[in-house]
Amino acid sequence: MAEIGIDISKQTSKSIEEFRNKDIDMVVTVCTSRANVICPFCSSPITGDRPEIIKTTLPGAKQFFQHGFSDPSEVDGSDEEKIAAFRRTRDEMKKWILDYFSDLEIKGSDSRS
């Protein structure tokens, strides 16, 4: 991320429990269910409904989006191939965010810049 000017050195993983019953505008999950693995954060492939864990833990979430990306940590190969996989996923996520949310108005944002 530092390669593209984003400092995530102070970021940490958080449990969904930290956000239980808080006022959440948007929940975005980026996982993908794999064969024989059911991800509790993925929407129902049949109905597209919010996952049960989102319904019960974050019932006030105004919007829910789910978009799967390949997991770069699952790539085998040389260090360079692994780094390339992380870069691809990072770039795919950036493109999706810019494409999908480009028209989104963010409350409190300064649009003069």
PDB file of N, CA and C in Angstrom:
ATOM      1  N   MET A   1       0.831  -1.198   0.000  1.00  0.00           N
ATOM      2  CA  MET A   1       0.000   0.000   0.000  1.00  0.00           C
ATOM      3  C   MET A   1       0.869   1.252   0.000  1.00  0.00           C
ATOM      4  N   ALA A   2       2.013   1.172   0.661  1.00  0.00           N
ATOM      5  CA  ALA A   2       2.917   2.317   0.673  1.00  0.00           C
ATOM      6  C   ALA A   2       3.341   2.685  -0.751  1.00  0.00           C
ATOM      7  N   GLU A   3       3.419   1.678  -1.638  1.00  0.00           N
ATOM      8  CA  GLU A   3       3.789   1.928  -3.037  1.00  0.00           C
ATOM      9  C   GLU A   3       2.851   2.925  -3.713  1.00  0.00           C
ATOM     10  N   ILE A   4       1.601   2.951  -3.268  1.00  0.00           N
ATOM     11  CA  ILE A   4       0.627   3.859  -3.882  1.00  0.00           C
ATOM     12  C   ILE A   4       0.251   5.006  -2.938  1.00  0.00           C
ATOM     13  N   GLY A   5       1.085   5.210  -1.901  1.00  0.00           N
ATOM     14  CA  GLY A   5       0.910   6.367  -1.030  1.00  0.00           C
ATOM     15  C   GLY A   5      -0.101   6.219   0.087  1.00  0.00           C
ATOM     16  N   ILE A   6      -0.423   4.993   0.465  1.00  0.00           N
ATOM     17  CA  ILE A   6      -1.379   4.776   1.549  1.00  0.00           C
ATOM     18  C   ILE A   6      -0.654   4.106   2.711  1.00  0.00           C
ATOM     19  N   ASP A   7      -0.660   4.771   3.869  1.00  0.00           N
ATOM     20  CA  ASP A   7       0.005   4.251   5.058  1.00  0.00           C
ATOM     21  C   ASP A   7      -1.001   3.436   5.882  1.00  0.00           C
ATOM     22  N   ILE A   8      -0.793   2.134   5.939  1.00  0.00           N
ATOM     23  CA  ILE A   8      -1.661   1.271   6.749  1.00  0.00           C
ATOM     24  C   ILE A   8      -0.896   0.673   7.928  1.00  0.00           C
ATOM     25  N   SER A   9       0.269   1.239   8.237  1.00  0.00           N
ATOM     26  CA  SER A   9       1.128   0.664   9.270  1.00  0.00           C
ATOM     27  C   SER A   9       0.492   0.659  10.656  1.00  0.00           C
ATOM     28  N   LYS A  10      -0.450   1.528  10.903  1.00  0.00           N
ATOM     29  CA  LYS A  10      -1.095   1.573  12.219  1.00  0.00           C
ATOM     30  C   LYS A  10      -2.469   0.893  12.226  1.00  0.00           C
ATOM     31  N   GLN A  11      -2.845   0.299  11.102  1.00  0.00           N
ATOM     32  CA  GLN A  11      -4.137  -0.381  11.004  1.00  0.00           C
ATOM     33  C   GLN A  11      -4.044  -1.780  11.618  1.00  0.00           C
ATOM     34  N   THR A  12      -5.136  -2.243  12.178  1.00  0.00           N
ATOM     35  CA  THR A  12      -5.195  -3.591  12.744  1.00  0.00           C
ATOM     36  C   THR A  12      -6.500  -4.248  12.338  1.00  0.00           C
ATOM     37  N   SER A  13      -6.510  -5.560  12.382  1.00  0.00           N
ATOM     38  CA  SER A  13      -7.757  -6.295  12.143  1.00  0.00           C
ATOM     39  C   SER A  13      -8.676  -6.067  13.328  1.00  0.00           C
ATOM     40  N   LYS A  14      -9.961  -6.008  13.050  1.00  0.00           N
ATOM     41  CA  LYS A  14     -10.941  -5.788  14.104  1.00  0.00           C
ATOM     42  C   LYS A  14     -12.019  -6.861  14.010  1.00  0.00           C
ATOM     43  N   SER A  15     -12.545  -7.212  15.136  1.00  0.00           N
ATOM     44  CA  SER A  15     -13.659  -8.148  15.186  1.00  0.00           C
ATOM     45  C   SER A  15     -14.945  -7.400  14.855  1.00  0.00           C
ATOM     46  N   ILE A  16     -15.855  -8.078  14.202  1.00  0.00           N
ATOM     47  CA  ILE A  16     -17.162  -7.467  13.917  1.00  0.00           C
ATOM     48  C   ILE A  16     -17.858  -7.070  15.221  1.00  0.00           C
ATOM     49  N   GLU A  17     -17.526  -7.761  16.301  1.00  0.00           N
ATOM     50  CA  GLU A  17     -18.141  -7.470  17.603  1.00  0.00           C
ATOM     51  C   GLU A  17     -17.855  -6.044  18.068  1.00  0.00           C
ATOM     52  N   GLU A  18     -16.734  -5.471  17.653  1.00  0.00           N
ATOM     53  CA  GLU A  18     -16.416  -4.091  18.023  1.00  0.00           C
ATOM     54  C   GLU A  18     -17.448  -3.103  17.489  1.00  0.00           C
ATOM     55  N   PHE A  19     -18.190  -3.518  16.476  1.00  0.00           N
ATOM     56  CA  PHE A  19     -19.139  -2.629  15.820  1.00  0.00           C
ATOM     57  C   PHE A  19     -20.591  -2.994  16.105  1.00  0.00           C
ATOM     58  N   ARG A  20     -20.802  -3.986  16.979  1.00  0.00           N
ATOM     59  CA  ARG A  20     -22.154  -4.470  17.284  1.00  0.00           C
ATOM     60  C   ARG A  20     -23.077  -3.305  17.647  1.00  0.00           C
ATOM     61  N   ASN A  21     -24.210  -3.275  16.958  1.00  0.00           N
ATOM     62  CA  ASN A  21     -25.287  -2.311  17.202  1.00  0.00           C
ATOM     63  C   ASN A  21     -24.869  -0.850  17.083  1.00  0.00           C
ATOM     64  N   LYS A  22     -23.762  -0.572  16.408  1.00  0.00           N
ATOM     65  CA  LYS A  22     -23.370   0.820  16.174  1.00  0.00           C
ATOM     66  C   LYS A  22     -24.043   1.305  14.900  1.00  0.00           C
ATOM     67  N   ASP A  23     -24.158   2.612  14.787  1.00  0.00           N
ATOM     68  CA  ASP A  23     -24.763   3.225  13.614  1.00  0.00           C
ATOM     69  C   ASP A  23     -23.751   3.146  12.467  1.00  0.00           C
ATOM     70  N   ILE A  24     -23.999   2.254  11.530  1.00  0.00           N
ATOM     71  CA  ILE A  24     -23.081   2.005  10.424  1.00  0.00           C
ATOM     72  C   ILE A  24     -23.767   2.420   9.123  1.00  0.00           C
ATOM     73  N   ASP A  25     -23.092   3.231   8.341  1.00  0.00           N
ATOM     74  CA  ASP A  25     -23.656   3.632   7.049  1.00  0.00           C
ATOM     75  C   ASP A  25     -23.513   2.539   6.004  1.00  0.00           C
ATOM     76  N   MET A  26     -22.347   1.902   5.977  1.00  0.00           N
ATOM     77  CA  MET A  26     -22.083   0.963   4.893  1.00  0.00           C
ATOM     78  C   MET A  26     -21.191  -0.176   5.384  1.00  0.00           C
ATOM     79  N   VAL A  27     -21.580  -1.390   5.009  1.00  0.00           N
ATOM     80  CA  VAL A  27     -20.761  -2.572   5.267  1.00  0.00           C
ATOM     81  C   VAL A  27     -20.344  -3.117   3.910  1.00  0.00           C
ATOM     82  N   VAL A  28     -19.046  -3.336   3.745  1.00  0.00           N
ATOM     83  CA  VAL A  28     -18.515  -3.898   2.505  1.00  0.00           C
ATOM     84  C   VAL A  28     -17.696  -5.122   2.871  1.00  0.00           C
ATOM     85  N   THR A  29     -18.054  -6.269   2.326  1.00  0.00           N
ATOM     86  CA  THR A  29     -17.242  -7.471   2.515  1.00  0.00           C
ATOM     87  C   THR A  29     -16.582  -7.801   1.189  1.00  0.00           C
ATOM     88  N   VAL A  30     -15.357  -8.318   1.267  1.00  0.00           N
ATOM     89  CA  VAL A  30     -14.581  -8.550   0.055  1.00  0.00           C
ATOM     90  C   VAL A  30     -14.114  -9.996  -0.066  1.00  0.00           C
ATOM     91  N   CYS A  31     -14.755 -10.874   0.664  1.00  0.00           N
ATOM     92  CA  CYS A  31     -14.358 -12.280   0.623  1.00  0.00           C
ATOM     93  C   CYS A  31     -15.117 -13.013  -0.483  1.00  0.00           C
ATOM     94  N   THR A  32     -14.672 -14.205  -0.759  1.00  0.00           N
ATOM     95  CA  THR A  32     -15.322 -15.057  -1.742  1.00  0.00           C
ATOM     96  C   THR A  32     -15.429 -16.457  -1.163  1.00  0.00           C
ATOM     97  N   SER A  33     -16.616 -17.021  -1.183  1.00  0.00           N
ATOM     98  CA  SER A  33     -16.764 -18.406  -0.747  1.00  0.00           C
ATOM     99  C   SER A  33     -16.049 -19.311  -1.737  1.00  0.00           C
ATOM    100  N   ARG A  34     -15.380 -20.314  -1.200  1.00  0.00           N
ATOM    101  CA  ARG A  34     -14.683 -21.290  -2.032  1.00  0.00           C
ATOM    102  C   ARG A  34     -15.391 -22.630  -1.909  1.00  0.00           C
ATOM    103  N   ALA A  35     -15.042 -23.544  -2.769  1.00  0.00           N
ATOM    104  CA  ALA A  35     -15.633 -24.884  -2.740  1.00  0.00           C
ATOM    105  C   ALA A  35     -15.482 -25.479  -1.346  1.00  0.00           C
ATOM    106  N   ASN A  36     -16.556 -25.976  -0.819  1.00  0.00           N
ATOM    107  CA  ASN A  36     -16.596 -26.636   0.494  1.00  0.00           C
ATOM    108  C   ASN A  36     -16.295 -25.710   1.668  1.00  0.00           C
ATOM    109  N   VAL A  37     -16.228 -24.407   1.431  1.00  0.00           N
ATOM    110  CA  VAL A  37     -16.008 -23.450   2.509  1.00  0.00           C
ATOM    111  C   VAL A  37     -17.123 -22.419   2.437  1.00  0.00           C
ATOM    112  N   ILE A  38     -17.888 -22.313   3.498  1.00  0.00           N
ATOM    113  CA  ILE A  38     -18.971 -21.335   3.532  1.00  0.00           C
ATOM    114  C   ILE A  38     -18.504 -20.144   4.350  1.00  0.00           C
ATOM    115  N   CYS A  39     -18.467 -18.999   3.734  1.00  0.00           N
ATOM    116  CA  CYS A  39     -18.034 -17.776   4.409  1.00  0.00           C
ATOM    117  C   CYS A  39     -19.242 -17.113   5.061  1.00  0.00           C
ATOM    118  N   PRO A  40     -19.187 -16.859   6.358  1.00  0.00           N
ATOM    119  CA  PRO A  40     -20.332 -16.239   7.032  1.00  0.00           C
ATOM    120  C   PRO A  40     -20.566 -14.797   6.629  1.00  0.00           C
ATOM    121  N   PHE A  41     -19.606 -14.180   5.934  1.00  0.00           N
ATOM    122  CA  PHE A  41     -19.740 -12.785   5.535  1.00  0.00           C
ATOM    123  C   PHE A  41     -20.210 -12.613   4.103  1.00  0.00           C
ATOM    124  N   CYS A  42     -20.333 -13.704   3.352  1.00  0.00           N
ATOM    125  CA  CYS A  42     -20.790 -13.608   1.964  1.00  0.00           C
ATOM    126  C   CYS A  42     -22.311 -13.621   1.916  1.00  0.00           C
ATOM    127  N   SER A  43     -22.866 -12.845   1.002  1.00  0.00           N
ATOM    128  CA  SER A  43     -24.311 -12.833   0.832  1.00  0.00           C
ATOM    129  C   SER A  43     -24.769 -14.160   0.242  1.00  0.00           C
ATOM    130  N   SER A  44     -26.034 -14.443   0.404  1.00  0.00           N
ATOM    131  CA  SER A  44     -26.600 -15.676  -0.115  1.00  0.00           C
ATOM    132  C   SER A  44     -26.501 -15.682  -1.634  1.00  0.00           C
ATOM    133  N   PRO A  45     -25.885 -16.719  -2.231  1.00  0.00           N
ATOM    134  CA  PRO A  45     -25.775 -16.762  -3.684  1.00  0.00           C
ATOM    135  C   PRO A  45     -27.134 -16.919  -4.373  1.00  0.00           C
ATOM    136  N   ILE A  46     -28.110 -17.423  -3.646  1.00  0.00           N
ATOM    137  CA  ILE A  46     -29.431 -17.644  -4.236  1.00  0.00           C
ATOM    138  C   ILE A  46     -30.290 -16.391  -4.151  1.00  0.00           C
ATOM    139  N   THR A  47     -30.383 -15.798  -2.968  1.00  0.00           N
ATOM    140  CA  THR A  47     -31.269 -14.660  -2.776  1.00  0.00           C
ATOM    141  C   THR A  47     -30.557 -13.317  -2.767  1.00  0.00           C
ATOM    142  N   GLY A  48     -29.228 -13.332  -2.542  1.00  0.00           N
ATOM    143  CA  GLY A  48     -28.492 -12.074  -2.450  1.00  0.00           C
ATOM    144  C   GLY A  48     -28.713 -11.366  -1.131  1.00  0.00           C
ATOM    145  N   ASP A  49     -29.401 -12.017  -0.189  1.00  0.00           N
ATOM    146  CA  ASP A  49     -29.669 -11.404   1.112  1.00  0.00           C
ATOM    147  C   ASP A  49     -28.389 -11.147   1.886  1.00  0.00           C
ATOM    148  N   ARG A  50     -28.506 -10.219   2.832  1.00  0.00           N
ATOM    149  CA  ARG A  50     -27.391  -9.961   3.739  1.00  0.00           C
ATOM    150  C   ARG A  50     -27.088 -11.237   4.528  1.00  0.00           C
ATOM    151  N   PRO A  51     -25.813 -11.462   4.794  1.00  0.00           N
ATOM    152  CA  PRO A  51     -25.468 -12.621   5.620  1.00  0.00           C
ATOM    153  C   PRO A  51     -26.080 -12.487   7.008  1.00  0.00           C
ATOM    154  N   GLU A  52     -26.405 -13.604   7.615  1.00  0.00           N
ATOM    155  CA  GLU A  52     -27.030 -13.609   8.938  1.00  0.00           C
ATOM    156  C   GLU A  52     -26.195 -12.849   9.964  1.00  0.00           C
ATOM    157  N   ILE A  53     -24.871 -13.005   9.910  1.00  0.00           N
ATOM    158  CA  ILE A  53     -24.010 -12.323  10.888  1.00  0.00           C
ATOM    159  C   ILE A  53     -24.108 -10.808  10.757  1.00  0.00           C
ATOM    160  N   ILE A  54     -24.312 -10.320   9.555  1.00  0.00           N
ATOM    161  CA  ILE A  54     -24.474  -8.872   9.353  1.00  0.00           C
ATOM    162  C   ILE A  54     -25.851  -8.448   9.864  1.00  0.00           C
ATOM    163  N   LYS A  55     -26.867  -9.252   9.576  1.00  0.00           N
ATOM    164  CA  LYS A  55     -28.226  -8.934  10.040  1.00  0.00           C
ATOM    165  C   LYS A  55     -28.292  -8.846  11.556  1.00  0.00           C
ATOM    166  N   THR A  56     -27.624  -9.775  12.241  1.00  0.00           N
ATOM    167  CA  THR A  56     -27.741  -9.823  13.706  1.00  0.00           C
ATOM    168  C   THR A  56     -26.750  -8.919  14.421  1.00  0.00           C
ATOM    169  N   THR A  57     -25.553  -8.755  13.888  1.00  0.00           N
ATOM    170  CA  THR A  57     -24.535  -7.958  14.569  1.00  0.00           C
ATOM    171  C   THR A  57     -24.632  -6.478  14.213  1.00  0.00           C
ATOM    172  N   LEU A  58     -24.975  -6.195  12.969  1.00  0.00           N
ATOM    173  CA  LEU A  58     -25.048  -4.810  12.489  1.00  0.00           C
ATOM    174  C   LEU A  58     -26.431  -4.528  11.902  1.00  0.00           C
ATOM    175  N   PRO A  59     -27.480  -4.698  12.707  1.00  0.00           N
ATOM    176  CA  PRO A  59     -28.840  -4.575  12.149  1.00  0.00           C
ATOM    177  C   PRO A  59     -29.163  -3.187  11.610  1.00  0.00           C
ATOM    178  N   GLY A  60     -28.464  -2.160  12.071  1.00  0.00           N
ATOM    179  CA  GLY A  60     -28.754  -0.808  11.611  1.00  0.00           C
ATOM    180  C   GLY A  60     -27.940  -0.371  10.408  1.00  0.00           C
ATOM    181  N   ALA A  61     -27.138  -1.273   9.856  1.00  0.00           N
ATOM    182  CA  ALA A  61     -26.324  -0.902   8.694  1.00  0.00           C
ATOM    183  C   ALA A  61     -27.239  -0.488   7.549  1.00  0.00           C
ATOM    184  N   LYS A  62     -27.013   0.700   7.039  1.00  0.00           N
ATOM    185  CA  LYS A  62     -27.902   1.239   6.004  1.00  0.00           C
ATOM    186  C   LYS A  62     -27.706   0.564   4.649  1.00  0.00           C
ATOM    187  N   GLN A  63     -26.462   0.184   4.332  1.00  0.00           N
ATOM    188  CA  GLN A  63     -26.187  -0.445   3.042  1.00  0.00           C
ATOM    189  C   GLN A  63     -25.234  -1.613   3.241  1.00  0.00           C
ATOM    190  N   PHE A  64     -25.381  -2.623   2.398  1.00  0.00           N
ATOM    191  CA  PHE A  64     -24.472  -3.767   2.434  1.00  0.00           C
ATOM    192  C   PHE A  64     -24.033  -4.079   1.013  1.00  0.00           C
ATOM    193  N   PHE A  65     -22.740  -4.216   0.826  1.00  0.00           N
ATOM    194  CA  PHE A  65     -22.176  -4.585  -0.463  1.00  0.00           C
ATOM    195  C   PHE A  65     -21.239  -5.761  -0.257  1.00  0.00           C
ATOM    196  N   GLN A  66     -21.261  -6.695  -1.172  1.00  0.00           N
ATOM    197  CA  GLN A  66     -20.338  -7.826  -1.128  1.00  0.00           C
ATOM    198  C   GLN A  66     -19.736  -7.989  -2.502  1.00  0.00           C
ATOM    199  N   HIS A  67     -18.412  -8.010  -2.542  1.00  0.00           N
ATOM    200  CA  HIS A  67     -17.717  -8.209  -3.809  1.00  0.00           C
ATOM    201  C   HIS A  67     -16.496  -9.061  -3.531  1.00  0.00           C
ATOM    202  N   GLY A  68     -16.399 -10.189  -4.179  1.00  0.00           N
ATOM    203  CA  GLY A  68     -15.292 -11.104  -3.936  1.00  0.00           C
ATOM    204  C   GLY A  68     -14.044 -10.756  -4.737  1.00  0.00           C
ATOM    205  N   PHE A  69     -12.926 -10.950  -4.120  1.00  0.00           N
ATOM    206  CA  PHE A  69     -11.631 -10.790  -4.764  1.00  0.00           C
ATOM    207  C   PHE A  69     -10.807 -12.032  -4.472  1.00  0.00           C
ATOM    208  N   SER A  70      -9.870 -12.335  -5.349  1.00  0.00           N
ATOM    209  CA  SER A  70      -9.002 -13.473  -5.094  1.00  0.00           C
ATOM    210  C   SER A  70      -8.154 -13.172  -3.861  1.00  0.00           C
ATOM    211  N   ASP A  71      -7.837 -14.222  -3.105  1.00  0.00           N
ATOM    212  CA  ASP A  71      -7.047 -14.081  -1.880  1.00  0.00           C
ATOM    213  C   ASP A  71      -5.570 -14.238  -2.226  1.00  0.00           C
ATOM    214  N   PRO A  72      -4.813 -13.147  -2.210  1.00  0.00           N
ATOM    215  CA  PRO A  72      -3.410 -13.242  -2.612  1.00  0.00           C
ATOM    216  C   PRO A  72      -2.569 -14.083  -1.660  1.00  0.00           C
ATOM    217  N   SER A  73      -3.032 -14.278  -0.442  1.00  0.00           N
ATOM    218  CA  SER A  73      -2.257 -15.083   0.507  1.00  0.00           C
ATOM    219  C   SER A  73      -2.270 -16.559   0.136  1.00  0.00           C
ATOM    220  N   GLU A  74      -3.153 -16.947  -0.775  1.00  0.00           N
ATOM    221  CA  GLU A  74      -3.233 -18.345  -1.204  1.00  0.00           C
ATOM    222  C   GLU A  74      -2.331 -18.659  -2.390  1.00  0.00           C
ATOM    223  N   VAL A  75      -1.626 -17.659  -2.894  1.00  0.00           N
ATOM    224  CA  VAL A  75      -0.764 -17.858  -4.059  1.00  0.00           C
ATOM    225  C   VAL A  75       0.544 -18.521  -3.641  1.00  0.00           C
ATOM    226  N   ASP A  76       0.878 -19.597  -4.338  1.00  0.00           N
ATOM    227  CA  ASP A  76       2.173 -20.247  -4.148  1.00  0.00           C
ATOM    228  C   ASP A  76       3.119 -19.727  -5.214  1.00  0.00           C
ATOM    229  N   GLY A  77       4.381 -19.774  -4.927  1.00  0.00           N
ATOM    230  CA  GLY A  77       5.366 -19.348  -5.911  1.00  0.00           C
ATOM    231  C   GLY A  77       6.488 -18.585  -5.254  1.00  0.00           C
ATOM    232  N   SER A  78       7.250 -17.904  -6.077  1.00  0.00           N
ATOM    233  CA  SER A  78       8.388 -17.118  -5.586  1.00  0.00           C
ATOM    234  C   SER A  78       7.867 -15.889  -4.836  1.00  0.00           C
ATOM    235  N   ASP A  79       8.767 -15.242  -4.117  1.00  0.00           N
ATOM    236  CA  ASP A  79       8.386 -14.012  -3.411  1.00  0.00           C
ATOM    237  C   ASP A  79       7.838 -12.981  -4.388  1.00  0.00           C
ATOM    238  N   GLU A  80       8.449 -12.878  -5.560  1.00  0.00           N
ATOM    239  CA  GLU A  80       7.998 -11.907  -6.559  1.00  0.00           C
ATOM    240  C   GLU A  80       6.589 -12.247  -7.056  1.00  0.00           C
ATOM    241  N   GLU A  81       6.291 -13.539  -7.241  1.00  0.00           N
ATOM    242  CA  GLU A  81       4.948 -13.953  -7.667  1.00  0.00           C
ATOM    243  C   GLU A  81       3.911 -13.657  -6.582  1.00  0.00           C
ATOM    244  N   LYS A  82       4.290 -13.853  -5.333  1.00  0.00           N
ATOM    245  CA  LYS A  82       3.372 -13.552  -4.225  1.00  0.00           C
ATOM    246  C   LYS A  82       3.109 -12.052  -4.130  1.00  0.00           C
ATOM    247  N   ILE A  83       4.170 -11.257  -4.257  1.00  0.00           N
ATOM    248  CA  ILE A  83       4.009  -9.798  -4.229  1.00  0.00           C
ATOM    249  C   ILE A  83       3.132  -9.343  -5.393  1.00  0.00           C
ATOM    250  N   ALA A  84       3.340  -9.929  -6.555  1.00  0.00           N
ATOM    251  CA  ALA A  84       2.523  -9.581  -7.726  1.00  0.00           C
ATOM    252  C   ALA A  84       1.052  -9.894  -7.482  1.00  0.00           C
ATOM    253  N   ALA A  85       0.760 -11.000  -6.786  1.00  0.00           N
ATOM    254  CA  ALA A  85      -0.625 -11.362  -6.477  1.00  0.00           C
ATOM    255  C   ALA A  85      -1.263 -10.319  -5.552  1.00  0.00           C
ATOM    256  N   PHE A  86      -0.524  -9.861  -4.554  1.00  0.00           N
ATOM    257  CA  PHE A  86      -1.052  -8.825  -3.659  1.00  0.00           C
ATOM    258  C   PHE A  86      -1.286  -7.527  -4.425  1.00  0.00           C
ATOM    259  N   ARG A  87      -0.375  -7.185  -5.310  1.00  0.00           N
ATOM    260  CA  ARG A  87      -0.550  -5.967  -6.111  1.00  0.00           C
ATOM    261  C   ARG A  87      -1.784  -6.068  -7.000  1.00  0.00           C
ATOM    262  N   ARG A  88      -1.991  -7.237  -7.631  1.00  0.00           N
ATOM    263  CA  ARG A  88      -3.171  -7.424  -8.499  1.00  0.00           C
ATOM    264  C   ARG A  88      -4.454  -7.246  -7.701  1.00  0.00           C
ATOM    265  N   THR A  89      -4.521  -7.892  -6.535  1.00  0.00           N
ATOM    266  CA  THR A  89      -5.741  -7.777  -5.727  1.00  0.00           C
ATOM    267  C   THR A  89      -5.933  -6.341  -5.262  1.00  0.00           C
ATOM    268  N   ARG A  90      -4.867  -5.692  -4.831  1.00  0.00           N
ATOM    269  CA  ARG A  90      -4.948  -4.281  -4.416  1.00  0.00           C
ATOM    270  C   ARG A  90      -5.490  -3.429  -5.555  1.00  0.00           C
ATOM    271  N   ASP A  91      -4.950  -3.626  -6.744  1.00  0.00           N
ATOM    272  CA  ASP A  91      -5.363  -2.818  -7.892  1.00  0.00           C
ATOM    273  C   ASP A  91      -6.803  -3.124  -8.315  1.00  0.00           C
ATOM    274  N   GLU A  92      -7.217  -4.388  -8.226  1.00  0.00           N
ATOM    275  CA  GLU A  92      -8.606  -4.757  -8.529  1.00  0.00           C
ATOM    276  C   GLU A  92      -9.558  -4.101  -7.532  1.00  0.00           C
ATOM    277  N   MET A  93      -9.174  -4.095  -6.260  1.00  0.00           N
ATOM    278  CA  MET A  93     -10.016  -3.464  -5.234  1.00  0.00           C
ATOM    279  C   MET A  93     -10.133  -1.961  -5.480  1.00  0.00           C
ATOM    280  N   LYS A  94      -9.016  -1.333  -5.798  1.00  0.00           N
ATOM    281  CA  LYS A  94      -9.025   0.108  -6.064  1.00  0.00           C
ATOM    282  C   LYS A  94      -9.929   0.432  -7.247  1.00  0.00           C
ATOM    283  N   LYS A  95      -9.805  -0.341  -8.317  1.00  0.00           N
ATOM    284  CA  LYS A  95     -10.630  -0.116  -9.504  1.00  0.00           C
ATOM    285  C   LYS A  95     -12.110  -0.281  -9.171  1.00  0.00           C
ATOM    286  N   TRP A  96     -12.445  -1.351  -8.430  1.00  0.00           N
ATOM    287  CA  TRP A  96     -13.844  -1.588  -8.064  1.00  0.00           C
ATOM    288  C   TRP A  96     -14.385  -0.435  -7.220  1.00  0.00           C
ATOM    289  N   ILE A  97     -13.613   0.012  -6.252  1.00  0.00           N
ATOM    290  CA  ILE A  97     -14.053   1.119  -5.398  1.00  0.00           C
ATOM    291  C   ILE A  97     -14.282   2.377  -6.233  1.00  0.00           C
ATOM    292  N   LEU A  98     -13.337   2.712  -7.089  1.00  0.00           N
ATOM    293  CA  LEU A  98     -13.478   3.920  -7.909  1.00  0.00           C
ATOM    294  C   LEU A  98     -14.647   3.806  -8.884  1.00  0.00           C
ATOM    295  N   ASP A  99     -14.817   2.642  -9.498  1.00  0.00           N
ATOM    296  CA  ASP A  99     -15.918   2.447 -10.442  1.00  0.00           C
ATOM    297  C   ASP A  99     -17.271   2.430  -9.746  1.00  0.00           C
ATOM    298  N   TYR A 100     -17.372   1.668  -8.665  1.00  0.00           N
ATOM    299  CA  TYR A 100     -18.656   1.418  -8.030  1.00  0.00           C
ATOM    300  C   TYR A 100     -19.128   2.581  -7.168  1.00  0.00           C
ATOM    301  N   PHE A 101     -18.188   3.265  -6.538  1.00  0.00           N
ATOM    302  CA  PHE A 101     -18.571   4.300  -5.575  1.00  0.00           C
ATOM    303  C   PHE A 101     -18.239   5.710  -6.047  1.00  0.00           C
ATOM    304  N   SER A 102     -17.923   5.897  -7.307  1.00  0.00           N
ATOM    305  CA  SER A 102     -17.504   7.216  -7.796  1.00  0.00           C
ATOM    306  C   SER A 102     -18.582   8.282  -7.638  1.00  0.00           C
ATOM    307  N   ASP A 103     -19.836   7.899  -7.689  1.00  0.00           N
ATOM    308  CA  ASP A 103     -20.924   8.872  -7.572  1.00  0.00           C
ATOM    309  C   ASP A 103     -21.461   8.996  -6.154  1.00  0.00           C
ATOM    310  N   LEU A 104     -20.862   8.288  -5.223  1.00  0.00           N
ATOM    311  CA  LEU A 104     -21.344   8.279  -3.843  1.00  0.00           C
ATOM    312  C   LEU A 104     -21.024   9.596  -3.151  1.00  0.00           C
ATOM    313  N   GLU A 105     -22.041  10.181  -2.547  1.00  0.00           N
ATOM    314  CA  GLU A 105     -21.809  11.386  -1.755  1.00  0.00           C
ATOM    315  C   GLU A 105     -21.506  10.945  -0.341  1.00  0.00           C
ATOM    316  N   ILE A 106     -20.381  11.429   0.179  1.00  0.00           N
ATOM    317  CA  ILE A 106     -19.991  11.072   1.535  1.00  0.00           C
ATOM    318  C   ILE A 106     -20.315  12.239   2.449  1.00  0.00           C
ATOM    319  N   LYS A 107     -21.154  11.957   3.459  1.00  0.00           N
ATOM    320  CA  LYS A 107     -21.580  12.993   4.381  1.00  0.00           C
ATOM    321  C   LYS A 107     -20.363  13.613   5.061  1.00  0.00           C
ATOM    322  N   GLY A 108     -20.293  14.930   5.053  1.00  0.00           N
ATOM    323  CA  GLY A 108     -19.201  15.621   5.712  1.00  0.00           C
ATOM    324  C   GLY A 108     -17.962  15.784   4.874  1.00  0.00           C
ATOM    325  N   SER A 109     -17.976  15.262   3.629  1.00  0.00           N
ATOM    326  CA  SER A 109     -16.787  15.394   2.785  1.00  0.00           C
ATOM    327  C   SER A 109     -16.727  16.797   2.210  1.00  0.00           C
ATOM    328  N   ASP A 110     -15.527  17.249   1.930  1.00  0.00           N
ATOM    329  CA  ASP A 110     -15.307  18.574   1.363  1.00  0.00           C
ATOM    330  C   ASP A 110     -15.153  18.413  -0.142  1.00  0.00           C
ATOM    331  N   SER A 111     -16.115  18.824  -0.902  1.00  0.00           N
ATOM    332  CA  SER A 111     -16.091  18.628  -2.356  1.00  0.00           C
ATOM    333  C   SER A 111     -15.379  19.768  -3.078  1.00  0.00           C
ATOM    334  N   ARG A 112     -14.771  20.691  -2.352  1.00  0.00           N
ATOM    335  CA  ARG A 112     -14.102  21.812  -3.007  1.00  0.00           C
ATOM    336  C   ARG A 112     -12.713  21.456  -3.508  1.00  0.00           C
ATOM    337  N   SER A 113     -12.161  20.311  -3.123  1.00  0.00           N
ATOM    338  CA  SER A 113     -10.781  19.995  -3.522  1.00  0.00           C
ATOM    339  C   SER A 113     -10.680  19.456  -4.917  1.00  0.00           C
TER     340      SER A 113
END
